[in-house]
Amino acid sequence: MPKNESNETIQNDSTVKTPFMKTNMPLVLGAAILVVSSGLLGYTVGHRQGLTVVGFDADAEQLVEVVQKQKASLEALNKSYNAAVQERDLAVSNSNDLYTGMKVARDEHAQAESLSVIYREILRQRGGIALAVQHLGIKPLPDNAYEYQLDLVQVSPNHRRASGSVEIRLINGSEILVVPLEDKNFNFENYERLTGRWTMPKGFSPQFIEVRLTGGAKPIARRFSWGKGKPIENQSAILSEIPKTAANAN
C-alpha cells in the first residue's frame, strides 16, 4: 500500500508540473525577450553616450585652441597699443619741447633785432659805418670743393643803400685765381650775406684769399690768410655742378 501511494504522488506531481510550463511558456519567453532587449538597450545607450563624450572632448580641445589663439592675438594688440601710446606721448612731448624752443628762439631773435635797431641808430648818430667786409668763412667740402660765406655791412647816416659787386681772389705768390661767385652783386641797407661754392684746381694751394668790393666811393680790398680745415661730410650739393676757379690776368 505505501508504494502505491508514493507512485500516485509522483504521477500527480508530474501531471501538475507539465501543464504549468505549457501554460506559462509565453510569460517565460516574454521575460527572456525583455532581458535581452534591456541588455541591447543598455549597450546602445552606453555606446552613444561614449561617442558623445568623445565628441565633447574634441570640441573642448578645439575651443581651448581658439581661446589660446585669441589670447595671443589680444596680447599682441595690447603690445601694439602700448607702443602706440608711448610713441604718441613721446611725439607730444617732443612737439611741446619743439614749440617751447621755437618760442624761445623767436623771442630771442626779436630781442636781438630790437637791440640791433637801437645800435644802428646810435651808430648813425655817430657818423655810421662805411661799407666793409664783416666776415668771410670758407668751408672745405669733399672732392676739393669749397663753400664761401661772405658778410657785408654798412650803416649809413642818411639810410643810403650800399650797392656794387664783389670779387674773391685766391693768391699764391704771383698766381691769382678768381673764385666764380653765384651772385657777385650786392644791394642792401644794413647787412647782406653772400654764399656759394667752387672747385679748387688740383695742385693749387693759396696763401691768401682776398675780397674786393667795387661800386662805392672807392674800391675796398681785404686780404685773409688761407687756412684749411677738416672737410665737411655728407653734403647734399651735386659737386659736379660747382663752378671751377679761373685765372685772373691782373
C-alpha atoms as a PDB file:
ATOM      1  CA  MET A   1       0.000   0.000   0.000  1.00  0.00           C
ATOM      2  CA  PRO A   2       2.656   2.570   0.770  1.00  0.00           C
ATOM      3  CA  LYS A   3       4.349   2.020  -2.540  1.00  0.00           C
ATOM      4  CA  ASN A   4       1.173   2.581  -4.389  1.00  0.00           C
ATOM      5  CA  GLU A   5       0.587   5.836  -2.610  1.00  0.00           C
ATOM      6  CA  SER A   6       4.057   7.170  -3.476  1.00  0.00           C
ATOM      7  CA  ASN A   7       3.655   6.255  -7.099  1.00  0.00           C
ATOM      8  CA  GLU A   8       0.418   8.058  -7.202  1.00  0.00           C
ATOM      9  CA  THR A   9       2.000  11.083  -5.634  1.00  0.00           C
ATOM     10  CA  ILE A  10       4.812  11.186  -8.196  1.00  0.00           C
ATOM     11  CA  GLN A  11       2.387  10.863 -11.028  1.00  0.00           C
ATOM     12  CA  ASN A  12       0.272  13.602  -9.606  1.00  0.00           C
ATOM     13  CA  ASP A  13       3.333  15.946  -9.321  1.00  0.00           C
ATOM     14  CA  SER A  14       4.339  15.281 -12.923  1.00  0.00           C
ATOM     15  CA  THR A  15       0.849  15.888 -14.012  1.00  0.00           C
ATOM     16  CA  VAL A  16       0.815  19.258 -12.219  1.00  0.00           C
ATOM     17  CA  LYS A  17       4.223  20.439 -13.454  1.00  0.00           C
ATOM     18  CA  THR A  18       3.725  19.733 -17.116  1.00  0.00           C
ATOM     19  CA  PRO A  19       0.642  21.840 -17.533  1.00  0.00           C
ATOM     20  CA  PHE A  20       2.334  24.773 -15.632  1.00  0.00           C
ATOM     21  CA  MET A  21       5.272  25.001 -18.128  1.00  0.00           C
ATOM     22  CA  LYS A  22       2.964  24.738 -21.045  1.00  0.00           C
ATOM     23  CA  THR A  23       0.614  27.238 -19.589  1.00  0.00           C
ATOM     24  CA  ASN A  24       3.333  29.859 -18.675  1.00  0.00           C
ATOM     25  CA  MET A  25       5.594  29.443 -21.742  1.00  0.00           C
ATOM     26  CA  PRO A  26       4.614  32.828 -23.248  1.00  0.00           C
ATOM     27  CA  LEU A  27       5.401  34.532 -19.976  1.00  0.00           C
ATOM     28  CA  VAL A  28       8.821  32.907 -19.828  1.00  0.00           C
ATOM     29  CA  LEU A  29       9.580  33.849 -23.423  1.00  0.00           C
ATOM     30  CA  GLY A  30       8.453  37.412 -22.762  1.00  0.00           C
ATOM     31  CA  ALA A  31      10.712  37.650 -19.743  1.00  0.00           C
ATOM     32  CA  ALA A  32      13.654  36.360 -21.776  1.00  0.00           C
ATOM     33  CA  ILE A  33      12.962  38.831 -24.565  1.00  0.00           C
ATOM     34  CA  LEU A  34      12.703  41.619 -22.027  1.00  0.00           C
ATOM     35  CA  VAL A  35      16.078  40.733 -20.519  1.00  0.00           C
ATOM     36  CA  VAL A  36      17.768  40.592 -23.932  1.00  0.00           C
ATOM     37  CA  SER A  37      16.151  43.847 -25.032  1.00  0.00           C
ATOM     38  CA  SER A  38      17.258  45.568 -21.846  1.00  0.00           C
ATOM     39  CA  GLY A  39      20.803  44.408 -22.463  1.00  0.00           C
ATOM     40  CA  LEU A  40      20.785  45.671 -26.052  1.00  0.00           C
ATOM     41  CA  LEU A  41      19.245  48.972 -24.995  1.00  0.00           C
ATOM     42  CA  GLY A  42      21.877  49.438 -22.301  1.00  0.00           C
ATOM     43  CA  TYR A  43      24.688  48.732 -24.761  1.00  0.00           C
ATOM     44  CA  THR A  44      23.265  51.121 -27.353  1.00  0.00           C
ATOM     45  CA  VAL A  45      22.788  53.931 -24.866  1.00  0.00           C
ATOM     46  CA  GLY A  46      26.230  53.387 -23.397  1.00  0.00           C
ATOM     47  CA  HIS A  47      27.839  53.343 -26.835  1.00  0.00           C
ATOM     48  CA  ARG A  48      26.083  56.550 -27.875  1.00  0.00           C
ATOM     49  CA  GLN A  49      26.989  58.166 -24.592  1.00  0.00           C
ATOM     50  CA  GLY A  50      30.624  57.191 -25.165  1.00  0.00           C
ATOM     51  CA  LEU A  51      30.551  58.770 -28.621  1.00  0.00           C
ATOM     52  CA  THR A  52      29.002  61.903 -27.142  1.00  0.00           C
ATOM     53  CA  VAL A  53      31.770  62.162 -24.553  1.00  0.00           C
ATOM     54  CA  VAL A  54      34.454  61.694 -27.188  1.00  0.00           C
ATOM     55  CA  GLY A  55      32.875  64.381 -29.377  1.00  0.00           C
ATOM     56  CA  PHE A  56      32.649  66.751 -26.420  1.00  0.00           C
ATOM     57  CA  ASP A  57      36.335  66.258 -25.638  1.00  0.00           C
ATOM     58  CA  ALA A  58      37.279  67.072 -29.244  1.00  0.00           C
ATOM     59  CA  ASP A  59      35.092  70.208 -29.234  1.00  0.00           C
ATOM     60  CA  ALA A  60      36.582  71.229 -25.895  1.00  0.00           C
ATOM     61  CA  GLU A  61      40.147  70.884 -27.239  1.00  0.00           C
ATOM     62  CA  GLN A  62      39.247  72.935 -30.333  1.00  0.00           C
ATOM     63  CA  LEU A  63      37.621  75.585 -28.147  1.00  0.00           C
ATOM     64  CA  VAL A  64      40.720  75.765 -25.938  1.00  0.00           C
ATOM     65  CA  GLU A  65      42.902  76.186 -29.039  1.00  0.00           C
ATOM     66  CA  VAL A  66      40.698  79.016 -30.330  1.00  0.00           C
ATOM     67  CA  VAL A  67      40.750  80.729 -26.936  1.00  0.00           C
ATOM     68  CA  GLN A  68      44.559  80.475 -26.800  1.00  0.00           C
ATOM     69  CA  LYS A  69      44.876  81.993 -30.292  1.00  0.00           C
ATOM     70  CA  GLN A  70      42.533  84.832 -29.348  1.00  0.00           C
ATOM     71  CA  LYS A  71      44.511  85.386 -26.157  1.00  0.00           C
ATOM     72  CA  ALA A  72      47.800  85.596 -28.106  1.00  0.00           C
ATOM     73  CA  SER A  73      46.196  87.981 -30.604  1.00  0.00           C
ATOM     74  CA  LEU A  74      44.870  90.112 -27.750  1.00  0.00           C
ATOM     75  CA  GLU A  75      48.324  90.252 -26.140  1.00  0.00           C
ATOM     76  CA  ALA A  76      49.859  91.344 -29.466  1.00  0.00           C
ATOM     77  CA  LEU A  77      47.198  94.040 -29.829  1.00  0.00           C
ATOM     78  CA  ASN A  78      47.871  95.230 -26.288  1.00  0.00           C
ATOM     79  CA  LYS A  79      51.598  95.477 -27.028  1.00  0.00           C
ATOM     80  CA  SER A  80      50.914  97.429 -30.227  1.00  0.00           C
ATOM     81  CA  TYR A  81      48.527  99.702 -28.368  1.00  0.00           C
ATOM     82  CA  ASN A  82      51.021 100.338 -25.570  1.00  0.00           C
ATOM     83  CA  ALA A  83      53.772 101.074 -28.123  1.00  0.00           C
ATOM     84  CA  ALA A  84      51.467 103.446 -29.978  1.00  0.00           C
ATOM     85  CA  VAL A  85      50.590 105.222 -26.729  1.00  0.00           C
ATOM     86  CA  GLN A  86      54.275 105.585 -25.850  1.00  0.00           C
ATOM     87  CA  GLU A  87      55.092 106.917 -29.319  1.00  0.00           C
ATOM     88  CA  ARG A  88      52.202 109.348 -29.066  1.00  0.00           C
ATOM     89  CA  ASP A  89      53.333 110.562 -25.656  1.00  0.00           C
ATOM     90  CA  LEU A  90      56.897 110.923 -26.935  1.00  0.00           C
ATOM     91  CA  ALA A  91      55.707 112.807 -30.022  1.00  0.00           C
ATOM     92  CA  VAL A  92      53.567 115.109 -27.885  1.00  0.00           C
ATOM     93  CA  SER A  93      56.497 115.714 -25.542  1.00  0.00           C
ATOM     94  CA  ASN A  94      58.857 116.418 -28.453  1.00  0.00           C
ATOM     95  CA  SER A  95      56.267 118.667 -30.045  1.00  0.00           C
ATOM     96  CA  ASN A  96      55.873 120.611 -26.828  1.00  0.00           C
ATOM     97  CA  ASP A  97      59.660 120.901 -26.439  1.00  0.00           C
ATOM     98  CA  LEU A  98      59.987 121.998 -30.067  1.00  0.00           C
ATOM     99  CA  TYR A  99      57.249 124.588 -29.653  1.00  0.00           C
ATOM    100  CA  THR A 100      58.884 125.887 -26.488  1.00  0.00           C
ATOM    101  CA  GLY A 101      62.285 126.023 -28.202  1.00  0.00           C
ATOM    102  CA  MET A 102      60.850 127.833 -31.210  1.00  0.00           C
ATOM    103  CA  LYS A 103      59.090 130.316 -28.962  1.00  0.00           C
ATOM    104  CA  VAL A 104      62.296 130.980 -27.029  1.00  0.00           C
ATOM    105  CA  ALA A 105      64.286 131.348 -30.277  1.00  0.00           C
ATOM    106  CA  ARG A 106      61.656 133.665 -31.721  1.00  0.00           C
ATOM    107  CA  ASP A 107      61.685 135.804 -28.589  1.00  0.00           C
ATOM    108  CA  GLU A 108      65.486 135.911 -28.587  1.00  0.00           C
ATOM    109  CA  HIS A 109      65.534 136.840 -32.283  1.00  0.00           C
ATOM    110  CA  ALA A 110      63.013 139.609 -31.702  1.00  0.00           C
ATOM    111  CA  GLN A 111      65.084 140.905 -28.794  1.00  0.00           C
ATOM    112  CA  ALA A 112      68.304 140.781 -30.825  1.00  0.00           C
ATOM    113  CA  GLU A 113      66.620 142.543 -33.747  1.00  0.00           C
ATOM    114  CA  SER A 114      65.356 145.251 -31.404  1.00  0.00           C
ATOM    115  CA  LEU A 115      68.840 145.746 -29.952  1.00  0.00           C
ATOM    116  CA  SER A 116      70.295 145.800 -33.476  1.00  0.00           C
ATOM    117  CA  VAL A 117      67.936 148.577 -34.480  1.00  0.00           C
ATOM    118  CA  ILE A 118      68.920 150.552 -31.387  1.00  0.00           C
ATOM    119  CA  TYR A 119      72.643 150.075 -32.023  1.00  0.00           C
ATOM    120  CA  ARG A 120      72.302 151.071 -35.701  1.00  0.00           C
ATOM    121  CA  GLU A 121      70.514 154.259 -34.737  1.00  0.00           C
ATOM    122  CA  ILE A 122      73.268 155.055 -32.242  1.00  0.00           C
ATOM    123  CA  LEU A 123      75.883 154.393 -34.940  1.00  0.00           C
ATOM    124  CA  ARG A 124      74.039 156.611 -37.426  1.00  0.00           C
ATOM    125  CA  GLN A 125      74.030 159.438 -34.869  1.00  0.00           C
ATOM    126  CA  ARG A 126      77.790 158.939 -34.511  1.00  0.00           C
ATOM    127  CA  GLY A 127      78.526 159.019 -38.230  1.00  0.00           C
ATOM    128  CA  GLY A 128      77.624 155.450 -39.226  1.00  0.00           C
ATOM    129  CA  ILE A 129      79.836 152.674 -40.642  1.00  0.00           C
ATOM    130  CA  ALA A 130      81.199 152.663 -44.181  1.00  0.00           C
ATOM    131  CA  LEU A 131      80.799 149.627 -46.426  1.00  0.00           C
ATOM    132  CA  ALA A 132      83.005 146.813 -45.077  1.00  0.00           C
ATOM    133  CA  VAL A 133      83.601 143.078 -45.097  1.00  0.00           C
ATOM    134  CA  GLN A 134      82.379 141.944 -41.704  1.00  0.00           C
ATOM    135  CA  HIS A 135      83.157 138.235 -42.061  1.00  0.00           C
ATOM    136  CA  LEU A 136      84.472 135.692 -44.568  1.00  0.00           C
ATOM    137  CA  GLY A 137      84.089 131.970 -43.922  1.00  0.00           C
ATOM    138  CA  ILE A 138      85.443 129.148 -46.083  1.00  0.00           C
ATOM    139  CA  LYS A 139      84.307 125.527 -45.552  1.00  0.00           C
ATOM    140  CA  PRO A 140      86.181 122.672 -47.279  1.00  0.00           C
ATOM    141  CA  LEU A 141      83.955 120.038 -48.905  1.00  0.00           C
ATOM    142  CA  PRO A 142      84.707 116.628 -50.446  1.00  0.00           C
ATOM    143  CA  ASP A 143      86.301 116.334 -53.915  1.00  0.00           C
ATOM    144  CA  ASN A 144      88.385 119.504 -53.493  1.00  0.00           C
ATOM    145  CA  ALA A 145      85.303 121.743 -53.342  1.00  0.00           C
ATOM    146  CA  TYR A 146      84.819 124.742 -51.040  1.00  0.00           C
ATOM    147  CA  GLU A 147      81.936 126.840 -49.792  1.00  0.00           C
ATOM    148  CA  TYR A 148      82.208 130.558 -49.063  1.00  0.00           C
ATOM    149  CA  GLN A 149      80.110 132.774 -46.796  1.00  0.00           C
ATOM    150  CA  LEU A 150      80.668 136.499 -47.131  1.00  0.00           C
ATOM    151  CA  ASP A 151      79.008 139.020 -44.793  1.00  0.00           C
ATOM    152  CA  LEU A 152      78.870 142.683 -45.825  1.00  0.00           C
ATOM    153  CA  VAL A 153      77.807 145.540 -43.565  1.00  0.00           C
ATOM    154  CA  GLN A 154      77.101 149.239 -43.833  1.00  0.00           C
ATOM    155  CA  VAL A 155      75.310 151.777 -41.612  1.00  0.00           C
ATOM    156  CA  SER A 156      74.662 154.995 -43.494  1.00  0.00           C
ATOM    157  CA  PRO A 157      73.692 158.161 -41.560  1.00  0.00           C
ATOM    158  CA  ASN A 158      71.188 159.074 -44.295  1.00  0.00           C
ATOM    159  CA  HIS A 159      69.957 155.455 -44.856  1.00  0.00           C
ATOM    160  CA  ARG A 160      71.690 155.243 -48.231  1.00  0.00           C
ATOM    161  CA  ARG A 161      71.786 151.722 -49.692  1.00  0.00           C
ATOM    162  CA  ALA A 162      75.084 150.027 -50.465  1.00  0.00           C
ATOM    163  CA  SER A 163      75.304 148.619 -53.998  1.00  0.00           C
ATOM    164  CA  GLY A 164      78.128 147.241 -56.112  1.00  0.00           C
ATOM    165  CA  SER A 165      79.898 143.975 -56.922  1.00  0.00           C
ATOM    166  CA  VAL A 166      82.199 141.505 -55.158  1.00  0.00           C
ATOM    167  CA  GLU A 167      85.311 139.694 -56.351  1.00  0.00           C
ATOM    168  CA  ILE A 168      87.074 136.937 -54.396  1.00  0.00           C
ATOM    169  CA  ARG A 169      90.628 136.065 -55.349  1.00  0.00           C
ATOM    170  CA  LEU A 170      92.907 133.189 -54.376  1.00  0.00           C
ATOM    171  CA  ILE A 171      96.557 134.236 -54.232  1.00  0.00           C
ATOM    172  CA  ASN A 172      99.662 132.049 -54.288  1.00  0.00           C
ATOM    173  CA  GLY A 173     102.726 134.183 -54.905  1.00  0.00           C
ATOM    174  CA  SER A 174     102.242 135.796 -58.290  1.00  0.00           C
ATOM    175  CA  GLU A 175      99.492 133.376 -59.330  1.00  0.00           C
ATOM    176  CA  ILE A 176      95.942 134.656 -58.826  1.00  0.00           C
ATOM    177  CA  LEU A 177      92.711 132.709 -59.353  1.00  0.00           C
ATOM    178  CA  VAL A 178      89.242 134.314 -59.292  1.00  0.00           C
ATOM    179  CA  VAL A 179      86.513 132.451 -57.445  1.00  0.00           C
ATOM    180  CA  PRO A 180      83.335 132.208 -59.565  1.00  0.00           C
ATOM    181  CA  LEU A 181      80.583 133.755 -57.444  1.00  0.00           C
ATOM    182  CA  GLU A 182      76.981 132.665 -57.863  1.00  0.00           C
ATOM    183  CA  ASP A 183      75.852 136.237 -57.212  1.00  0.00           C
ATOM    184  CA  LYS A 184      78.592 138.844 -57.224  1.00  0.00           C
ATOM    185  CA  ASN A 185      76.256 141.830 -56.945  1.00  0.00           C
ATOM    186  CA  PHE A 186      75.013 143.263 -53.651  1.00  0.00           C
ATOM    187  CA  ASN A 187      72.367 145.838 -52.790  1.00  0.00           C
ATOM    188  CA  PHE A 188      71.395 146.333 -49.158  1.00  0.00           C
ATOM    189  CA  GLU A 189      70.862 148.970 -46.496  1.00  0.00           C
ATOM    190  CA  ASN A 190      72.415 147.477 -43.363  1.00  0.00           C
ATOM    191  CA  TYR A 191      73.585 143.902 -43.917  1.00  0.00           C
ATOM    192  CA  GLU A 192      73.797 141.179 -46.583  1.00  0.00           C
ATOM    193  CA  ARG A 193      75.237 137.649 -46.757  1.00  0.00           C
ATOM    194  CA  LEU A 194      76.537 136.138 -49.993  1.00  0.00           C
ATOM    195  CA  THR A 195      77.124 132.380 -50.259  1.00  0.00           C
ATOM    196  CA  GLY A 196      78.281 129.952 -52.948  1.00  0.00           C
ATOM    197  CA  ARG A 197      80.646 127.091 -53.816  1.00  0.00           C
ATOM    198  CA  TRP A 198      83.547 126.466 -56.153  1.00  0.00           C
ATOM    199  CA  THR A 199      86.033 123.731 -57.037  1.00  0.00           C
ATOM    200  CA  MET A 200      89.723 124.332 -56.386  1.00  0.00           C
ATOM    201  CA  PRO A 201      92.147 123.368 -59.177  1.00  0.00           C
ATOM    202  CA  LYS A 202      94.211 120.320 -58.298  1.00  0.00           C
ATOM    203  CA  GLY A 203      97.667 121.139 -57.027  1.00  0.00           C
ATOM    204  CA  PHE A 204      96.804 124.753 -56.242  1.00  0.00           C
ATOM    205  CA  SER A 205      97.220 125.799 -52.605  1.00  0.00           C
ATOM    206  CA  PRO A 206      96.601 129.523 -51.980  1.00  0.00           C
ATOM    207  CA  GLN A 207      98.425 131.542 -49.368  1.00  0.00           C
ATOM    208  CA  PHE A 208      95.784 134.253 -49.161  1.00  0.00           C
ATOM    209  CA  ILE A 209      92.168 134.865 -50.064  1.00  0.00           C
ATOM    210  CA  GLU A 210      91.218 138.420 -50.958  1.00  0.00           C
ATOM    211  CA  VAL A 211      87.798 140.141 -51.128  1.00  0.00           C
ATOM    212  CA  ARG A 212      87.339 143.195 -53.332  1.00  0.00           C
ATOM    213  CA  LEU A 213      84.271 145.469 -53.248  1.00  0.00           C
ATOM    214  CA  THR A 214      83.567 147.968 -56.024  1.00  0.00           C
ATOM    215  CA  GLY A 215      80.735 150.401 -56.608  1.00  0.00           C
ATOM    216  CA  GLY A 216      81.186 152.692 -53.630  1.00  0.00           C
ATOM    217  CA  ALA A 217      83.105 155.906 -53.266  1.00  0.00           C
ATOM    218  CA  LYS A 218      86.329 153.945 -53.511  1.00  0.00           C
ATOM    219  CA  PRO A 219      87.224 150.242 -54.031  1.00  0.00           C
ATOM    220  CA  ILE A 220      87.648 148.183 -50.897  1.00  0.00           C
ATOM    221  CA  ALA A 221      90.046 145.232 -50.566  1.00  0.00           C
ATOM    222  CA  ARG A 222      90.574 142.937 -47.589  1.00  0.00           C
ATOM    223  CA  ARG A 223      93.012 140.032 -47.514  1.00  0.00           C
ATOM    224  CA  PHE A 224      92.807 136.958 -45.238  1.00  0.00           C
ATOM    225  CA  SER A 225      95.361 134.219 -44.620  1.00  0.00           C
ATOM    226  CA  TRP A 226      94.345 130.875 -46.088  1.00  0.00           C
ATOM    227  CA  GLY A 227      93.799 128.146 -43.502  1.00  0.00           C
ATOM    228  CA  LYS A 228      92.495 124.746 -44.489  1.00  0.00           C
ATOM    229  CA  GLY A 229      90.295 122.901 -42.001  1.00  0.00           C
ATOM    230  CA  LYS A 230      88.748 119.449 -41.900  1.00  0.00           C
ATOM    231  CA  PRO A 231      86.393 118.665 -44.822  1.00  0.00           C
ATOM    232  CA  ILE A 232      82.670 118.526 -44.076  1.00  0.00           C
ATOM    233  CA  GLU A 233      80.992 115.181 -44.712  1.00  0.00           C
ATOM    234  CA  ASN A 234      77.588 114.344 -46.220  1.00  0.00           C
ATOM    235  CA  GLN A 235      76.962 117.417 -48.332  1.00  0.00           C
ATOM    236  CA  SER A 236      73.733 117.423 -50.339  1.00  0.00           C
ATOM    237  CA  ALA A 237      75.043 119.564 -53.198  1.00  0.00           C
ATOM    238  CA  ILE A 238      75.988 117.976 -56.545  1.00  0.00           C
ATOM    239  CA  LEU A 239      79.714 118.661 -56.589  1.00  0.00           C
ATOM    240  CA  SER A 240      79.975 118.204 -60.339  1.00  0.00           C
ATOM    241  CA  GLU A 241      77.836 121.320 -60.779  1.00  0.00           C
ATOM    242  CA  ILE A 242      80.080 123.518 -58.622  1.00  0.00           C
ATOM    243  CA  PRO A 243      81.977 126.041 -60.801  1.00  0.00           C
ATOM    244  CA  LYS A 244      85.767 126.000 -61.040  1.00  0.00           C
ATOM    245  CA  THR A 245      88.069 128.939 -60.458  1.00  0.00           C
ATOM    246  CA  ALA A 246      89.566 130.864 -63.354  1.00  0.00           C
ATOM    247  CA  ALA A 247      92.952 132.567 -63.589  1.00  0.00           C
ATOM    248  CA  ASN A 248      92.975 136.362 -63.454  1.00  0.00           C
ATOM    249  CA  ALA A 249      95.096 138.242 -65.920  1.00  0.00           C
ATOM    250  CA  ASN A 250      95.627 141.100 -63.465  1.00  0.00           C
END
